[in-house]
């Protein structure tokens, strides 16, 4: 049985970094529910096609196909506009 997912572009801010990439939500899942999972053992969430920027100088540090983000370190997260990549 497959789970229907929705790919959404997001921007995530950590203390020193801004990460732009794609998260994969379950069908009709809200962003808040994605971040605040009931299972606290899941301290990280996956992101694909991520670009990592320094907040000090807005410099692109790296582009990676996959990254795992520590939920506790996220200071701000929001969806990109639907027409932005």
N, C-alpha and C. Protein backbone atom coordinates (compact mmCIF):
# COMPACT_ATOMS: atom_id res chain seq x y z
N UNK A 1 0.84 -1.18 0.00
CA UNK A 1 0.00 0.00 0.00
C UNK A 1 0.89 1.24 0.00
N UNK A 2 0.64 2.16 -0.91
CA UNK A 2 1.47 3.37 -0.99
C UNK A 2 0.77 4.54 -0.32
N UNK A 3 1.58 5.43 0.21
CA UNK A 3 1.07 6.62 0.87
C UNK A 3 1.10 7.76 -0.14
N UNK A 4 -0.01 8.44 -0.28
CA UNK A 4 -0.06 9.58 -1.19
C UNK A 4 0.65 10.75 -0.52
N UNK A 5 1.60 11.34 -1.22
CA UNK A 5 2.33 12.47 -0.66
C UNK A 5 2.23 13.68 -1.58
N UNK A 6 2.51 14.80 -1.00
CA UNK A 6 2.54 16.07 -1.74
C UNK A 6 3.92 16.68 -1.54
N UNK A 7 4.58 17.01 -2.62
CA UNK A 7 5.87 17.68 -2.54
C UNK A 7 5.63 19.18 -2.43
N UNK A 8 6.28 19.80 -1.44
CA UNK A 8 6.13 21.25 -1.25
C UNK A 8 7.49 21.87 -1.02
N UNK A 9 7.73 23.00 -1.66
CA UNK A 9 8.94 23.76 -1.43
C UNK A 9 8.83 24.52 -0.12
N UNK A 10 9.90 24.49 0.66
CA UNK A 10 9.92 25.21 1.93
C UNK A 10 11.23 25.96 2.10
N UNK A 11 11.18 26.93 2.98
CA UNK A 11 12.37 27.64 3.43
C UNK A 11 12.45 27.43 4.94
N UNK A 12 13.59 26.94 5.40
CA UNK A 12 13.81 26.64 6.81
C UNK A 12 14.96 27.50 7.31
N UNK A 13 14.74 28.14 8.45
CA UNK A 13 15.80 28.92 9.09
C UNK A 13 16.26 28.19 10.34
N UNK A 14 17.58 28.08 10.47
CA UNK A 14 18.23 27.58 11.67
C UNK A 14 19.03 28.75 12.23
N UNK A 15 19.77 28.55 13.30
CA UNK A 15 20.53 29.66 13.88
C UNK A 15 21.47 30.34 12.88
N UNK A 16 22.20 29.55 12.10
CA UNK A 16 23.22 30.11 11.22
C UNK A 16 22.96 29.87 9.73
N UNK A 17 21.88 29.16 9.41
CA UNK A 17 21.66 28.75 8.02
C UNK A 17 20.22 28.97 7.57
N UNK A 18 20.08 29.15 6.28
CA UNK A 18 18.78 29.13 5.61
C UNK A 18 18.84 27.97 4.63
N UNK A 19 17.86 27.09 4.68
CA UNK A 19 17.85 25.93 3.79
C UNK A 19 16.57 25.97 2.98
N UNK A 20 16.73 25.90 1.67
CA UNK A 20 15.58 25.88 0.76
C UNK A 20 15.56 24.53 0.08
N UNK A 21 14.40 23.89 0.10
CA UNK A 21 14.30 22.58 -0.51
C UNK A 21 12.87 22.08 -0.54
N UNK A 22 12.73 20.78 -0.65
CA UNK A 22 11.42 20.15 -0.80
C UNK A 22 11.19 19.18 0.35
N UNK A 23 9.98 19.25 0.93
CA UNK A 23 9.56 18.26 1.90
C UNK A 23 8.43 17.45 1.27
N UNK A 24 8.17 16.30 1.85
CA UNK A 24 7.16 15.40 1.31
C UNK A 24 6.11 15.15 2.38
N UNK A 25 4.96 15.77 2.21
CA UNK A 25 3.87 15.69 3.18
C UNK A 25 2.95 14.53 2.83
N UNK A 26 2.35 13.94 3.85
CA UNK A 26 1.27 12.99 3.61
C UNK A 26 0.10 13.77 3.04
N UNK A 27 -0.77 13.12 2.34
CA UNK A 27 -1.91 13.77 1.69
C UNK A 27 -2.69 14.61 2.69
N UNK A 28 -2.87 15.89 2.39
CA UNK A 28 -3.61 16.86 3.21
C UNK A 28 -2.98 17.14 4.57
N UNK A 29 -1.71 16.80 4.76
CA UNK A 29 -1.03 17.07 6.02
C UNK A 29 -0.65 18.54 6.09
N UNK A 30 -0.86 19.14 7.26
CA UNK A 30 -0.48 20.53 7.47
C UNK A 30 1.01 20.62 7.82
N UNK A 31 1.62 21.75 7.52
CA UNK A 31 3.03 21.95 7.83
C UNK A 31 3.28 21.84 9.34
N UNK A 32 2.40 22.40 10.13
CA UNK A 32 2.55 22.33 11.59
C UNK A 32 2.54 20.88 12.07
N UNK A 33 1.66 20.06 11.51
CA UNK A 33 1.62 18.64 11.89
C UNK A 33 2.89 17.92 11.45
N UNK A 34 3.43 18.31 10.30
CA UNK A 34 4.67 17.72 9.81
C UNK A 34 5.83 18.00 10.77
N UNK A 35 5.90 19.22 11.28
CA UNK A 35 6.98 19.61 12.19
C UNK A 35 6.78 19.03 13.58
N UNK A 36 5.55 19.06 14.07
CA UNK A 36 5.26 18.60 15.44
C UNK A 36 4.73 17.18 15.43
N UNK A 37 5.54 16.24 14.98
CA UNK A 37 5.10 14.85 14.93
C UNK A 37 4.84 14.34 16.34
N UNK A 38 3.87 13.43 16.45
CA UNK A 38 3.51 12.88 17.76
C UNK A 38 4.64 12.01 18.33
N UNK A 39 5.38 11.34 17.45
CA UNK A 39 6.47 10.47 17.87
C UNK A 39 7.72 11.31 18.09
N UNK A 40 8.04 11.62 19.32
CA UNK A 40 9.17 12.49 19.61
C UNK A 40 10.52 11.83 19.32
N UNK A 41 10.52 10.53 19.02
CA UNK A 41 11.76 9.85 18.64
C UNK A 41 12.20 10.28 17.25
N UNK A 42 11.31 10.88 16.50
CA UNK A 42 11.65 11.35 15.16
C UNK A 42 12.15 12.79 15.27
N UNK A 43 13.38 12.94 15.70
CA UNK A 43 13.94 14.26 15.94
C UNK A 43 14.37 14.98 14.67
N UNK A 44 14.34 14.29 13.55
CA UNK A 44 14.79 14.87 12.29
C UNK A 44 13.71 14.69 11.22
N UNK A 45 13.70 15.60 10.25
CA UNK A 45 12.81 15.40 9.11
C UNK A 45 13.62 15.52 7.82
N UNK A 46 13.22 14.77 6.80
CA UNK A 46 13.97 14.75 5.55
C UNK A 46 13.59 15.91 4.63
N UNK A 47 14.56 16.36 3.85
CA UNK A 47 14.35 17.37 2.83
C UNK A 47 15.16 16.94 1.61
N UNK A 48 14.61 17.13 0.44
CA UNK A 48 15.32 16.79 -0.79
C UNK A 48 15.60 18.04 -1.59
N UNK A 49 16.55 17.93 -2.52
CA UNK A 49 16.95 19.03 -3.41
C UNK A 49 17.18 20.32 -2.62
N UNK A 50 18.03 20.21 -1.60
CA UNK A 50 18.23 21.32 -0.67
C UNK A 50 19.42 22.19 -1.06
N UNK A 51 19.24 23.49 -0.85
CA UNK A 51 20.31 24.46 -1.00
C UNK A 51 20.53 25.09 0.38
N UNK A 52 21.78 25.10 0.81
CA UNK A 52 22.13 25.58 2.15
C UNK A 52 22.88 26.90 2.02
N UNK A 53 22.35 27.93 2.68
CA UNK A 53 22.92 29.27 2.63
C UNK A 53 23.38 29.69 4.02
N UNK A 54 24.45 30.48 4.07
CA UNK A 54 24.90 31.10 5.30
C UNK A 54 24.03 32.32 5.57
N UNK A 55 23.61 32.49 6.82
CA UNK A 55 22.85 33.70 7.16
C UNK A 55 23.76 34.91 7.32
N UNK A 56 25.05 34.68 7.54
CA UNK A 56 25.98 35.80 7.72
C UNK A 56 26.15 36.62 6.45
N UNK A 57 26.26 35.93 5.30
CA UNK A 57 26.53 36.65 4.06
C UNK A 57 25.65 36.20 2.89
N UNK A 58 24.65 35.39 3.18
CA UNK A 58 23.71 34.89 2.17
C UNK A 58 24.40 34.07 1.08
N UNK A 59 25.58 33.53 1.36
CA UNK A 59 26.36 32.76 0.40
C UNK A 59 25.84 31.32 0.34
N UNK A 60 25.71 30.79 -0.87
CA UNK A 60 25.35 29.39 -1.05
C UNK A 60 26.53 28.53 -0.62
N UNK A 61 26.30 27.68 0.37
CA UNK A 61 27.37 26.83 0.89
C UNK A 61 27.41 25.47 0.20
N UNK A 62 26.23 24.93 -0.11
CA UNK A 62 26.18 23.61 -0.72
C UNK A 62 24.78 23.35 -1.27
N UNK A 63 24.73 22.45 -2.23
CA UNK A 63 23.47 21.92 -2.76
C UNK A 63 23.55 20.41 -2.62
N UNK A 64 22.52 19.83 -2.01
CA UNK A 64 22.53 18.38 -1.76
C UNK A 64 21.20 17.78 -2.17
N UNK A 65 21.23 16.52 -2.57
CA UNK A 65 20.00 15.82 -2.95
C UNK A 65 19.15 15.48 -1.74
N UNK A 66 19.79 15.24 -0.59
CA UNK A 66 19.07 14.85 0.62
C UNK A 66 19.77 15.45 1.83
N UNK A 67 18.94 15.92 2.77
CA UNK A 67 19.46 16.40 4.05
C UNK A 67 18.42 16.07 5.12
N UNK A 68 18.88 15.86 6.31
CA UNK A 68 18.01 15.58 7.44
C UNK A 68 18.13 16.75 8.42
N UNK A 69 17.00 17.38 8.74
CA UNK A 69 16.98 18.60 9.56
C UNK A 69 16.55 18.26 10.99
N UNK A 70 17.29 18.75 11.96
CA UNK A 70 16.94 18.56 13.37
C UNK A 70 15.76 19.47 13.70
N UNK A 71 14.64 18.89 14.06
CA UNK A 71 13.42 19.66 14.37
C UNK A 71 13.64 20.69 15.48
N UNK A 72 14.44 20.34 16.47
CA UNK A 72 14.66 21.23 17.62
C UNK A 72 15.45 22.48 17.24
N UNK A 73 16.17 22.46 16.13
CA UNK A 73 17.00 23.58 15.72
C UNK A 73 16.28 24.56 14.79
N UNK A 74 15.07 24.19 14.33
CA UNK A 74 14.33 25.04 13.40
C UNK A 74 13.79 26.25 14.15
N UNK A 75 14.11 27.45 13.65
CA UNK A 75 13.58 28.67 14.26
C UNK A 75 12.41 29.23 13.45
N UNK A 76 12.35 28.90 12.16
CA UNK A 76 11.28 29.39 11.29
C UNK A 76 11.19 28.46 10.08
N UNK A 77 9.96 28.15 9.67
CA UNK A 77 9.76 27.35 8.46
C UNK A 77 8.48 27.83 7.79
N UNK A 78 8.53 27.93 6.48
CA UNK A 78 7.32 28.30 5.74
C UNK A 78 7.40 27.77 4.32
N UNK A 79 6.21 27.64 3.71
CA UNK A 79 6.14 27.19 2.33
C UNK A 79 6.61 28.29 1.39
N UNK A 80 7.29 27.88 0.33
CA UNK A 80 7.56 28.81 -0.77
C UNK A 80 6.24 29.02 -1.50
N UNK A 81 6.16 30.11 -2.23
CA UNK A 81 4.98 30.31 -3.08
C UNK A 81 4.90 29.17 -4.07
N UNK A 82 3.70 28.74 -4.41
CA UNK A 82 3.50 27.55 -5.26
C UNK A 82 4.24 27.66 -6.58
N UNK A 83 4.41 28.86 -7.16
CA UNK A 83 5.07 28.98 -8.45
C UNK A 83 6.58 29.14 -8.35
N UNK A 84 7.13 29.18 -7.12
CA UNK A 84 8.58 29.26 -6.92
C UNK A 84 9.17 27.86 -6.88
N UNK A 85 10.36 27.70 -7.39
CA UNK A 85 11.07 26.40 -7.32
C UNK A 85 12.17 26.46 -6.34
